[in-house]
C-alpha atoms as a PDB file:
ATOM      1  CA  UNK A   1       5.832  10.643 -21.383  1.00  0.00           C
ATOM      2  CA  UNK A   2       2.702  10.704 -19.637  1.00  0.00           C
ATOM      3  CA  UNK A   3       2.119  14.180 -17.996  1.00  0.00           C
ATOM      4  CA  UNK A   4       1.532  14.238 -13.962  1.00  0.00           C
ATOM      5  CA  UNK A   5      -0.596  16.566 -12.189  1.00  0.00           C
ATOM      6  CA  UNK A   6       0.400  17.010  -8.682  1.00  0.00           C
ATOM      7  CA  UNK A   7      -2.578  18.299  -6.478  1.00  0.00           C
ATOM      8  CA  UNK A   8      -3.281  18.643  -2.679  1.00  0.00           C
ATOM      9  CA  UNK A   9      -6.469  17.091  -1.775  1.00  0.00           C
ATOM     10  CA  UNK A  10      -8.485  17.654   1.336  1.00  0.00           C
ATOM     11  CA  UNK A  11     -10.026  14.321   2.484  1.00  0.00           C
ATOM     12  CA  UNK A  12     -11.281  13.089   5.992  1.00  0.00           C
ATOM     13  CA  UNK A  13      -9.824  16.320   7.298  1.00  0.00           C
ATOM     14  CA  UNK A  14      -6.224  15.946   6.008  1.00  0.00           C
ATOM     15  CA  UNK A  15      -4.277  17.486   3.023  1.00  0.00           C
ATOM     16  CA  UNK A  16      -2.906  14.549   0.850  1.00  0.00           C
ATOM     17  CA  UNK A  17      -0.755  15.055  -1.977  1.00  0.00           C
ATOM     18  CA  UNK A  18      -2.198  13.194  -5.152  1.00  0.00           C
ATOM     19  CA  UNK A  19      -0.247  12.416  -8.274  1.00  0.00           C
ATOM     20  CA  UNK A  20      -2.842  12.307 -10.950  1.00  0.00           C
ATOM     21  CA  UNK A  21      -2.494  11.142 -14.755  1.00  0.00           C
ATOM     22  CA  UNK A  22      -4.508  10.070 -17.656  1.00  0.00           C
ATOM     23  CA  UNK A  23      -7.888  11.438 -19.371  1.00  0.00           C
ATOM     24  CA  UNK A  24     -10.344  13.260 -16.713  1.00  0.00           C
ATOM     25  CA  UNK A  25     -12.898  11.449 -18.457  1.00  0.00           C
ATOM     26  CA  UNK A  26     -11.437   8.045 -17.657  1.00  0.00           C
ATOM     27  CA  UNK A  27     -12.380   5.383 -15.142  1.00  0.00           C
ATOM     28  CA  UNK A  28     -10.866   5.783 -11.862  1.00  0.00           C
ATOM     29  CA  UNK A  29      -7.801   3.631 -10.610  1.00  0.00           C
ATOM     30  CA  UNK A  30      -6.706   4.660  -7.243  1.00  0.00           C
ATOM     31  CA  UNK A  31      -3.184   3.111  -6.356  1.00  0.00           C
ATOM     32  CA  UNK A  32      -2.525   2.755  -2.733  1.00  0.00           C
ATOM     33  CA  UNK A  33       1.328   2.412  -1.761  1.00  0.00           C
ATOM     34  CA  UNK A  34       3.084   0.570   1.460  1.00  0.00           C
ATOM     35  CA  UNK A  35       5.752   1.245   3.615  1.00  0.00           C
ATOM     36  CA  UNK A  36       8.263   2.688   3.396  1.00  0.00           C
ATOM     37  CA  UNK A  37       7.094   4.388  -0.259  1.00  0.00           C
ATOM     38  CA  UNK A  38       4.958   7.174  -1.524  1.00  0.00           C
ATOM     39  CA  UNK A  39       3.352   7.722  -4.745  1.00  0.00           C
ATOM     40  CA  UNK A  40       6.691   7.190  -6.495  1.00  0.00           C
ATOM     41  CA  UNK A  41       6.318   3.171  -5.838  1.00  0.00           C
ATOM     42  CA  UNK A  42       3.613   3.071  -8.510  1.00  0.00           C
ATOM     43  CA  UNK A  43       6.018   4.940 -11.086  1.00  0.00           C
ATOM     44  CA  UNK A  44       5.957   1.741 -13.488  1.00  0.00           C
ATOM     45  CA  UNK A  45       2.193   1.525 -13.588  1.00  0.00           C
ATOM     46  CA  UNK A  46       0.945   4.906 -13.601  1.00  0.00           C
ATOM     47  CA  UNK A  47       2.094   5.622 -17.198  1.00  0.00           C
ATOM     48  CA  UNK A  48       1.079   2.199 -18.263  1.00  0.00           C
ATOM     49  CA  UNK A  49      -2.640   2.397 -17.465  1.00  0.00           C
ATOM     50  CA  UNK A  50      -3.046   6.444 -17.910  1.00  0.00           C
ATOM     51  CA  UNK A  51      -2.181   5.530 -21.553  1.00  0.00           C
ATOM     52  CA  UNK A  52      -4.836   3.143 -21.907  1.00  0.00           C
ATOM     53  CA  UNK A  53      -7.270   5.583 -20.898  1.00  0.00           C
ATOM     54  CA  UNK A  54      -7.361   5.167 -17.107  1.00  0.00           C
ATOM     55  CA  UNK A  55      -7.858   8.237 -15.028  1.00  0.00           C
ATOM     56  CA  UNK A  56      -5.103   7.175 -12.616  1.00  0.00           C
ATOM     57  CA  UNK A  57      -4.748   8.712  -8.968  1.00  0.00           C
ATOM     58  CA  UNK A  58      -1.512   7.841  -6.721  1.00  0.00           C
ATOM     59  CA  UNK A  59      -1.747   9.437  -3.398  1.00  0.00           C
ATOM     60  CA  UNK A  60       1.023  10.162  -0.917  1.00  0.00           C
ATOM     61  CA  UNK A  61      -1.047   8.383   1.930  1.00  0.00           C
ATOM     62  CA  UNK A  62      -1.350  10.361   5.460  1.00  0.00           C
ATOM     63  CA  UNK A  63       1.817  10.805   7.237  1.00  0.00           C
ATOM     64  CA  UNK A  64       4.061   9.860   4.069  1.00  0.00           C
ATOM     65  CA  UNK A  65       6.318  12.285   1.630  1.00  0.00           C
ATOM     66  CA  UNK A  66       4.369  15.713   1.403  1.00  0.00           C
ATOM     67  CA  UNK A  67       1.301  14.684   2.787  1.00  0.00           C
ATOM     68  CA  UNK A  68      -0.068  16.029   5.850  1.00  0.00           C
ATOM     69  CA  UNK A  69       1.099  14.386   9.100  1.00  0.00           C
ATOM     70  CA  UNK A  70      -1.273  14.751  11.828  1.00  0.00           C
ATOM     71  CA  UNK A  71       0.331  13.864  15.214  1.00  0.00           C
ATOM     72  CA  UNK A  72       0.064  10.908  17.443  1.00  0.00           C
ATOM     73  CA  UNK A  73      -0.629   7.172  16.762  1.00  0.00           C
ATOM     74  CA  UNK A  74      -4.641   7.382  17.163  1.00  0.00           C
ATOM     75  CA  UNK A  75      -4.546   9.266  13.574  1.00  0.00           C
ATOM     76  CA  UNK A  76      -3.484   6.238  11.826  1.00  0.00           C
ATOM     77  CA  UNK A  77      -6.128   3.513  12.422  1.00  0.00           C
ATOM     78  CA  UNK A  78      -7.278   1.580   9.638  1.00  0.00           C
ATOM     79  CA  UNK A  79     -10.687   3.196   9.850  1.00  0.00           C
ATOM     80  CA  UNK A  80      -9.210   6.608   9.547  1.00  0.00           C
ATOM     81  CA  UNK A  81      -7.103   5.506   6.392  1.00  0.00           C
ATOM     82  CA  UNK A  82     -10.076   3.920   4.777  1.00  0.00           C
ATOM     83  CA  UNK A  83     -12.256   6.959   5.182  1.00  0.00           C
ATOM     84  CA  UNK A  84      -9.094   8.940   3.452  1.00  0.00           C
ATOM     85  CA  UNK A  85      -9.878   6.273   0.354  1.00  0.00           C
ATOM     86  CA  UNK A  86     -13.309   7.167   0.280  1.00  0.00           C
ATOM     87  CA  UNK A  87     -12.437  11.127   0.323  1.00  0.00           C
ATOM     88  CA  UNK A  88     -10.328  10.605  -2.551  1.00  0.00           C
ATOM     89  CA  UNK A  89     -13.188   8.955  -4.486  1.00  0.00           C
ATOM     90  CA  UNK A  90     -15.443  11.570  -3.717  1.00  0.00           C
ATOM     91  CA  UNK A  91     -12.958  14.267  -4.801  1.00  0.00           C
ATOM     92  CA  UNK A  92     -12.471  12.395  -7.914  1.00  0.00           C
ATOM     93  CA  UNK A  93     -16.328  12.936  -8.643  1.00  0.00           C
ATOM     94  CA  UNK A  94     -16.511   8.955  -9.019  1.00  0.00           C
ATOM     95  CA  UNK A  95     -19.011   6.620  -7.766  1.00  0.00           C
ATOM     96  CA  UNK A  96     -16.485   3.785  -7.693  1.00  0.00           C
ATOM     97  CA  UNK A  97     -13.143   2.917  -8.529  1.00  0.00           C
ATOM     98  CA  UNK A  98     -10.718   0.270  -9.294  1.00  0.00           C
ATOM     99  CA  UNK A  99      -8.453  -0.250  -6.192  1.00  0.00           C
ATOM    100  CA  UNK A 100      -4.605  -1.527  -6.726  1.00  0.00           C
ATOM    101  CA  UNK A 101      -2.936  -1.580  -3.464  1.00  0.00           C
ATOM    102  CA  UNK A 102       0.709  -3.153  -2.180  1.00  0.00           C
ATOM    103  CA  UNK A 103       1.771  -3.634   1.496  1.00  0.00           C
ATOM    104  CA  UNK A 104      -0.022  -1.283   3.974  1.00  0.00           C
ATOM    105  CA  UNK A 105      -1.653   0.381   1.055  1.00  0.00           C
ATOM    106  CA  UNK A 106      -3.192  -3.147   0.394  1.00  0.00           C
ATOM    107  CA  UNK A 107      -4.072  -3.493   4.326  1.00  0.00           C
ATOM    108  CA  UNK A 108      -6.035  -0.085   3.670  1.00  0.00           C
ATOM    109  CA  UNK A 109      -7.760  -1.711   0.368  1.00  0.00           C
ATOM    110  CA  UNK A 110      -8.804  -4.651   2.316  1.00  0.00           C
ATOM    111  CA  UNK A 111     -10.414  -2.488   4.817  1.00  0.00           C
ATOM    112  CA  UNK A 112     -11.915   0.243   2.819  1.00  0.00           C
ATOM    113  CA  UNK A 113     -13.483  -2.745   0.503  1.00  0.00           C
ATOM    114  CA  UNK A 114     -15.016  -4.431   3.649  1.00  0.00           C
ATOM    115  CA  UNK A 115     -16.318  -1.324   5.165  1.00  0.00           C
ATOM    116  CA  UNK A 116     -17.653   0.495   1.835  1.00  0.00           C
ATOM    117  CA  UNK A 117     -18.014  -2.255  -0.768  1.00  0.00           C
ATOM    118  CA  UNK A 118     -20.293  -0.513  -2.919  1.00  0.00           C
ATOM    119  CA  UNK A 119     -17.729   2.069  -3.676  1.00  0.00           C
ATOM    120  CA  UNK A 120     -14.920  -0.487  -5.128  1.00  0.00           C
ATOM    121  CA  UNK A 121     -15.653  -1.870  -8.414  1.00  0.00           C
ATOM    122  CA  UNK A 122     -12.546  -4.236  -8.693  1.00  0.00           C
ATOM    123  CA  UNK A 123      -9.795  -4.873  -5.785  1.00  0.00           C
ATOM    124  CA  UNK A 124      -6.100  -5.924  -6.967  1.00  0.00           C
ATOM    125  CA  UNK A 125      -3.930  -6.767  -3.866  1.00  0.00           C
ATOM    126  CA  UNK A 126      -0.376  -6.965  -3.681  1.00  0.00           C
ATOM    127  CA  UNK A 127       1.618  -9.271  -0.983  1.00  0.00           C
ATOM    128  CA  UNK A 128      -0.916  -8.562   2.075  1.00  0.00           C
ATOM    129  CA  UNK A 129      -3.416 -10.939   3.631  1.00  0.00           C
ATOM    130  CA  UNK A 130      -6.927 -10.252   4.429  1.00  0.00           C
ATOM    131  CA  UNK A 131      -7.091  -8.485   7.774  1.00  0.00           C
ATOM    132  CA  UNK A 132      -8.613 -11.535   9.682  1.00  0.00           C
ATOM    133  CA  UNK A 133      -5.528 -13.673   8.277  1.00  0.00           C
ATOM    134  CA  UNK A 134      -3.306 -11.001   9.625  1.00  0.00           C
ATOM    135  CA  UNK A 135      -5.258 -11.347  12.947  1.00  0.00           C
ATOM    136  CA  UNK A 136      -5.060 -15.248  12.856  1.00  0.00           C
ATOM    137  CA  UNK A 137      -1.040 -15.231  11.923  1.00  0.00           C
ATOM    138  CA  UNK A 138       0.786 -12.598  13.624  1.00  0.00           C
ATOM    139  CA  UNK A 139       1.685 -13.307  16.827  1.00  0.00           C
ATOM    140  CA  UNK A 140       0.140 -16.712  16.831  1.00  0.00           C
ATOM    141  CA  UNK A 141       1.793 -18.386  13.795  1.00  0.00           C
ATOM    142  CA  UNK A 142       5.426 -18.954  14.702  1.00  0.00           C
ATOM    143  CA  UNK A 143       6.763 -18.673  11.262  1.00  0.00           C
ATOM    144  CA  UNK A 144       4.826 -15.279  10.634  1.00  0.00           C
ATOM    145  CA  UNK A 145       5.572 -13.826  13.736  1.00  0.00           C
ATOM    146  CA  UNK A 146       9.453 -14.606  13.131  1.00  0.00           C
ATOM    147  CA  UNK A 147       9.210 -12.780  10.088  1.00  0.00           C
ATOM    148  CA  UNK A 148       7.258  -9.853  11.604  1.00  0.00           C
ATOM    149  CA  UNK A 149       9.814  -9.128  14.334  1.00  0.00           C
ATOM    150  CA  UNK A 150      10.340  -5.573  12.872  1.00  0.00           C
ATOM    151  CA  UNK A 151       6.737  -4.880  13.538  1.00  0.00           C
ATOM    152  CA  UNK A 152       7.396  -5.308  17.509  1.00  0.00           C
ATOM    153  CA  UNK A 153      10.620  -3.210  17.019  1.00  0.00           C
ATOM    154  CA  UNK A 154       8.766  -0.422  15.155  1.00  0.00           C
ATOM    155  CA  UNK A 155       6.569  -0.235  18.737  1.00  0.00           C
ATOM    156  CA  UNK A 156       9.594   1.496  20.610  1.00  0.00           C
ATOM    157  CA  UNK A 157       9.401   5.317  20.520  1.00  0.00           C
ATOM    158  CA  UNK A 158      12.186   7.432  18.836  1.00  0.00           C
ATOM    159  CA  UNK A 159      14.897   4.538  18.456  1.00  0.00           C
ATOM    160  CA  UNK A 160      13.581   3.022  14.825  1.00  0.00           C
ATOM    161  CA  UNK A 161      13.276   6.603  13.391  1.00  0.00           C
ATOM    162  CA  UNK A 162      16.564   7.427  14.705  1.00  0.00           C
ATOM    163  CA  UNK A 163      18.688   4.400  13.648  1.00  0.00           C
ATOM    164  CA  UNK A 164      16.657   4.540   9.850  1.00  0.00           C
ATOM    165  CA  UNK A 165      18.268   7.902   9.420  1.00  0.00           C
ATOM    166  CA  UNK A 166      21.790   7.163   9.943  1.00  0.00           C
ATOM    167  CA  UNK A 167      23.978   7.938   7.016  1.00  0.00           C
ATOM    168  CA  UNK A 168      21.076   9.589   5.017  1.00  0.00           C
ATOM    169  CA  UNK A 169      18.812   6.954   5.615  1.00  0.00           C
ATOM    170  CA  UNK A 170      21.343   4.309   4.375  1.00  0.00           C
ATOM    171  CA  UNK A 171      20.113   2.006   7.252  1.00  0.00           C
ATOM    172  CA  UNK A 172      16.445   1.978   5.840  1.00  0.00           C
ATOM    173  CA  UNK A 173      17.484   1.680   2.419  1.00  0.00           C
ATOM    174  CA  UNK A 174      19.869  -1.342   3.046  1.00  0.00           C
ATOM    175  CA  UNK A 175      16.916  -2.778   4.816  1.00  0.00           C
ATOM    176  CA  UNK A 176      14.461  -2.387   1.935  1.00  0.00           C
ATOM    177  CA  UNK A 177      16.829  -3.470  -0.256  1.00  0.00           C
ATOM    178  CA  UNK A 178      17.220  -6.819   1.489  1.00  0.00           C
ATOM    179  CA  UNK A 179      13.486  -7.547   0.900  1.00  0.00           C
ATOM    180  CA  UNK A 180      13.929  -7.232  -3.032  1.00  0.00           C
ATOM    181  CA  UNK A 181      16.215  -8.491  -6.082  1.00  0.00           C
ATOM    182  CA  UNK A 182      19.324  -7.074  -6.042  1.00  0.00           C
ATOM    183  CA  UNK A 183      19.701  -4.224  -8.547  1.00  0.00           C
ATOM    184  CA  UNK A 184      15.832  -3.466  -8.476  1.00  0.00           C
ATOM    185  CA  UNK A 185      16.458   0.325  -7.574  1.00  0.00           C
ATOM    186  CA  UNK A 186      18.932   2.434  -9.156  1.00  0.00           C
ATOM    187  CA  UNK A 187      20.842   5.225  -7.096  1.00  0.00           C
ATOM    188  CA  UNK A 188      18.539   7.823  -8.557  1.00  0.00           C
ATOM    189  CA  UNK A 189      15.375   6.044  -7.540  1.00  0.00           C
ATOM    190  CA  UNK A 190      16.979   5.324  -3.777  1.00  0.00           C
ATOM    191  CA  UNK A 191      17.678   9.070  -3.894  1.00  0.00           C
ATOM    192  CA  UNK A 192      14.255   9.805  -4.665  1.00  0.00           C
ATOM    193  CA  UNK A 193      13.178   7.625  -1.553  1.00  0.00           C
ATOM    194  CA  UNK A 194      15.464   9.095   0.743  1.00  0.00           C
ATOM    195  CA  UNK A 195      14.348  13.018  -0.144  1.00  0.00           C
ATOM    196  CA  UNK A 196      10.398  11.573   0.989  1.00  0.00           C
ATOM    197  CA  UNK A 197      11.998   9.835   4.137  1.00  0.00           C
ATOM    198  CA  UNK A 198      13.828  13.099   5.139  1.00  0.00           C
ATOM    199  CA  UNK A 199      10.619  15.159   4.821  1.00  0.00           C
ATOM    200  CA  UNK A 200      10.024  16.904   8.242  1.00  0.00           C
ATOM    201  CA  UNK A 201       8.135  14.301  10.557  1.00  0.00           C
ATOM    202  CA  UNK A 202       7.608  11.828   7.892  1.00  0.00           C
ATOM    203  CA  UNK A 203       9.494   8.914   9.271  1.00  0.00           C
ATOM    204  CA  UNK A 204       7.944   9.166  12.403  1.00  0.00           C
ATOM    205  CA  UNK A 205       4.188   9.352  10.761  1.00  0.00           C
ATOM    206  CA  UNK A 206       5.073   6.226   8.663  1.00  0.00           C
ATOM    207  CA  UNK A 207       5.922   4.160  11.917  1.00  0.00           C
ATOM    208  CA  UNK A 208       2.762   5.347  13.260  1.00  0.00           C
ATOM    209  CA  UNK A 209       0.873   3.251  10.862  1.00  0.00           C
ATOM    210  CA  UNK A 210       2.515   0.033  12.719  1.00  0.00           C
ATOM    211  CA  UNK A 211       2.148   1.758  16.108  1.00  0.00           C
ATOM    212  CA  UNK A 212      -1.738   2.291  15.756  1.00  0.00           C
ATOM    213  CA  UNK A 213      -2.039  -1.276  14.778  1.00  0.00           C
ATOM    214  CA  UNK A 214       0.070  -2.724  17.596  1.00  0.00           C
ATOM    215  CA  UNK A 215      -1.416  -0.473  20.005  1.00  0.00           C
ATOM    216  CA  UNK A 216      -4.836   0.473  19.351  1.00  0.00           C
ATOM    217  CA  UNK A 217      -7.860  -1.846  18.904  1.00  0.00           C
ATOM    218  CA  UNK A 218      -9.932  -1.231  16.010  1.00  0.00           C
ATOM    219  CA  UNK A 219     -12.795  -3.870  15.418  1.00  0.00           C
ATOM    220  CA  UNK A 220     -12.738  -5.570  11.918  1.00  0.00           C
ATOM    221  CA  UNK A 221     -15.565  -4.384   9.991  1.00  0.00           C
ATOM    222  CA  UNK A 222     -18.800  -6.772  10.126  1.00  0.00           C
ATOM    223  CA  UNK A 223     -18.714  -7.428   6.511  1.00  0.00           C
ATOM    224  CA  UNK A 224     -15.452  -9.598   5.936  1.00  0.00           C
ATOM    225  CA  UNK A 225     -16.646 -11.387   2.734  1.00  0.00           C
ATOM    226  CA  UNK A 226     -15.831  -9.584  -0.403  1.00  0.00           C
ATOM    227  CA  UNK A 227     -18.424  -9.888  -3.197  1.00  0.00           C
ATOM    228  CA  UNK A 228     -16.226  -7.429  -5.830  1.00  0.00           C
ATOM    229  CA  UNK A 229     -13.939  -9.055  -8.439  1.00  0.00           C
ATOM    230  CA  UNK A 230     -10.582  -9.458  -6.557  1.00  0.00           C
ATOM    231  CA  UNK A 231      -7.136 -10.654  -7.873  1.00  0.00           C
ATOM    232  CA  UNK A 232      -4.241 -11.294  -5.669  1.00  0.00           C
ATOM    233  CA  UNK A 233      -0.624 -11.157  -6.943  1.00  0.00           C
ATOM    234  CA  UNK A 234       1.808 -12.479  -4.528  1.00  0.00           C
ATOM    235  CA  UNK A 235       5.891 -12.308  -4.914  1.00  0.00           C
ATOM    236  CA  UNK A 236       6.313 -15.964  -3.626  1.00  0.00           C
ATOM    237  CA  UNK A 237       9.721 -15.083  -2.411  1.00  0.00           C
ATOM    238  CA  UNK A 238       8.474 -12.496   0.407  1.00  0.00           C
ATOM    239  CA  UNK A 239      10.702 -12.411   3.442  1.00  0.00           C
ATOM    240  CA  UNK A 240       8.089 -10.698   5.521  1.00  0.00           C
ATOM    241  CA  UNK A 241       4.794 -12.722   5.138  1.00  0.00           C
ATOM    242  CA  UNK A 242       4.056 -16.274   4.551  1.00  0.00           C
ATOM    243  CA  UNK A 243       2.905 -17.562   1.331  1.00  0.00           C
ATOM    244  CA  UNK A 244      -0.046 -19.357   3.267  1.00  0.00           C
ATOM    245  CA  UNK A 245      -1.476 -15.994   4.085  1.00  0.00           C
ATOM    246  CA  UNK A 246      -2.476 -15.398   0.508  1.00  0.00           C
ATOM    247  CA  UNK A 247      -4.078 -18.864   0.012  1.00  0.00           C
ATOM    248  CA  UNK A 248      -6.009 -18.255   3.199  1.00  0.00           C
ATOM    249  CA  UNK A 249      -7.105 -14.976   2.293  1.00  0.00           C
ATOM    250  CA  UNK A 250      -8.920 -16.632  -0.796  1.00  0.00           C
ATOM    251  CA  UNK A 251     -11.810 -17.874   1.801  1.00  0.00           C
ATOM    252  CA  UNK A 252     -13.004 -14.206   2.033  1.00  0.00           C
ATOM    253  CA  UNK A 253     -13.088 -13.578  -1.837  1.00  0.00           C
ATOM    254  CA  UNK A 254     -15.485 -15.646  -3.313  1.00  0.00           C
ATOM    255  CA  UNK A 255     -15.001 -13.956  -6.967  1.00  0.00           C
ATOM    256  CA  UNK A 256     -11.355 -13.586  -6.359  1.00  0.00           C
ATOM    257  CA  UNK A 257      -8.058 -15.484  -7.739  1.00  0.00           C
ATOM    258  CA  UNK A 258      -4.688 -15.680  -6.587  1.00  0.00           C
ATOM    259  CA  UNK A 259      -1.347 -15.487  -9.053  1.00  0.00           C
ATOM    260  CA  UNK A 260       1.961 -16.400  -7.547  1.00  0.00           C
ATOM    261  CA  UNK A 261       5.061 -14.648  -9.267  1.00  0.00           C
ATOM    262  CA  UNK A 262       7.485 -17.358  -8.018  1.00  0.00           C
ATOM    263  CA  UNK A 263      10.888 -15.350  -8.832  1.00  0.00           C
ATOM    264  CA  UNK A 264       9.671 -12.103  -7.036  1.00  0.00           C
ATOM    265  CA  UNK A 265       9.682 -11.143  -3.508  1.00  0.00           C
ATOM    266  CA  UNK A 266       7.492  -8.540  -1.173  1.00  0.00           C
ATOM    267  CA  UNK A 267       8.224  -5.625  -3.543  1.00  0.00           C
ATOM    268  CA  UNK A 268       6.596  -7.660  -6.684  1.00  0.00           C
ATOM    269  CA  UNK A 269       5.654  -4.375  -8.643  1.00  0.00           C
ATOM    270  CA  UNK A 270       9.125  -3.345  -8.784  1.00  0.00           C
ATOM    271  CA  UNK A 271      10.739  -6.649  -9.124  1.00  0.00           C
ATOM    272  CA  UNK A 272       8.438  -7.421 -12.023  1.00  0.00           C
ATOM    273  CA  UNK A 273       6.765  -4.191 -13.216  1.00  0.00           C
ATOM    274  CA  UNK A 274       6.076  -5.629 -16.600  1.00  0.00           C
ATOM    275  CA  UNK A 275       4.115  -8.902 -15.469  1.00  0.00           C
ATOM    276  CA  UNK A 276       2.317  -7.117 -12.829  1.00  0.00           C
ATOM    277  CA  UNK A 277       0.975  -4.778 -15.230  1.00  0.00           C
ATOM    278  CA  UNK A 278      -0.071  -7.250 -17.654  1.00  0.00           C
ATOM    279  CA  UNK A 279      -1.748  -9.497 -14.601  1.00  0.00           C
ATOM    280  CA  UNK A 280      -3.645  -6.195 -13.647  1.00  0.00           C
ATOM    281  CA  UNK A 281      -4.573  -5.109 -17.147  1.00  0.00           C
ATOM    282  CA  UNK A 282      -5.956  -8.591 -18.019  1.00  0.00           C
ATOM    283  CA  UNK A 283      -8.420  -8.460 -14.743  1.00  0.00           C
ATOM    284  CA  UNK A 284      -9.417  -4.992 -15.037  1.00  0.00           C
ATOM    285  CA  UNK A 285     -10.004  -5.047 -18.783  1.00  0.00           C
END
């Protein structure tokens, strides 16, 4: 068992809960979770890479679990979320990090790499396209728009939070379970998620990420082509994102590669943890 340290770190004006593992002198690997997860979403990766000598940091991003939850949707724009990441790298005393990210965390990772390329040594993206591709497809490509119905539903005030919380967040659990291979999570693991979702103000703050994206225009960074080595790992059975989005994203990563895991869905790191670990490991060295 790898020991974990739980720290509250102030970055970009917010206090984030960060789980830390591995030797303090190791190279920094920062792991960004997506919706509706928290640091625990990397439980199959933290031990693996900490045991290899990496200094692993896995935060609860702003609004999630026990991290601070600033009020209002304007606190959750992607430029602010990317600045949180840079603050964490600074807090770790590192010049650069390897950034590993999934879902909304991957959207933040893309943005961070565009805005602060000098701070990212290598980039690993799981199941989210480059922001330019998101802009090209959501609301414009029929298949992607159909798959993104929930994004539009999340714009409604109060109702999504209320419906998700019914039956001790049973509705939310069923919705997420429908996006992954049956049996991926145990009941004990679902209990951890329910505890995180039930933190005061958490579910509204989590949804505010979607509301900020839908209601506040944040111009894309000027530097959209990434020169750092990049690996995209994509569960091909994703029910929320079209497979073509991964292929189109390759335009923006001339030093990148794309690997599909055909049997996995959107939550690829949970469905195929050993394979994902191996693919990350061979890429980061």
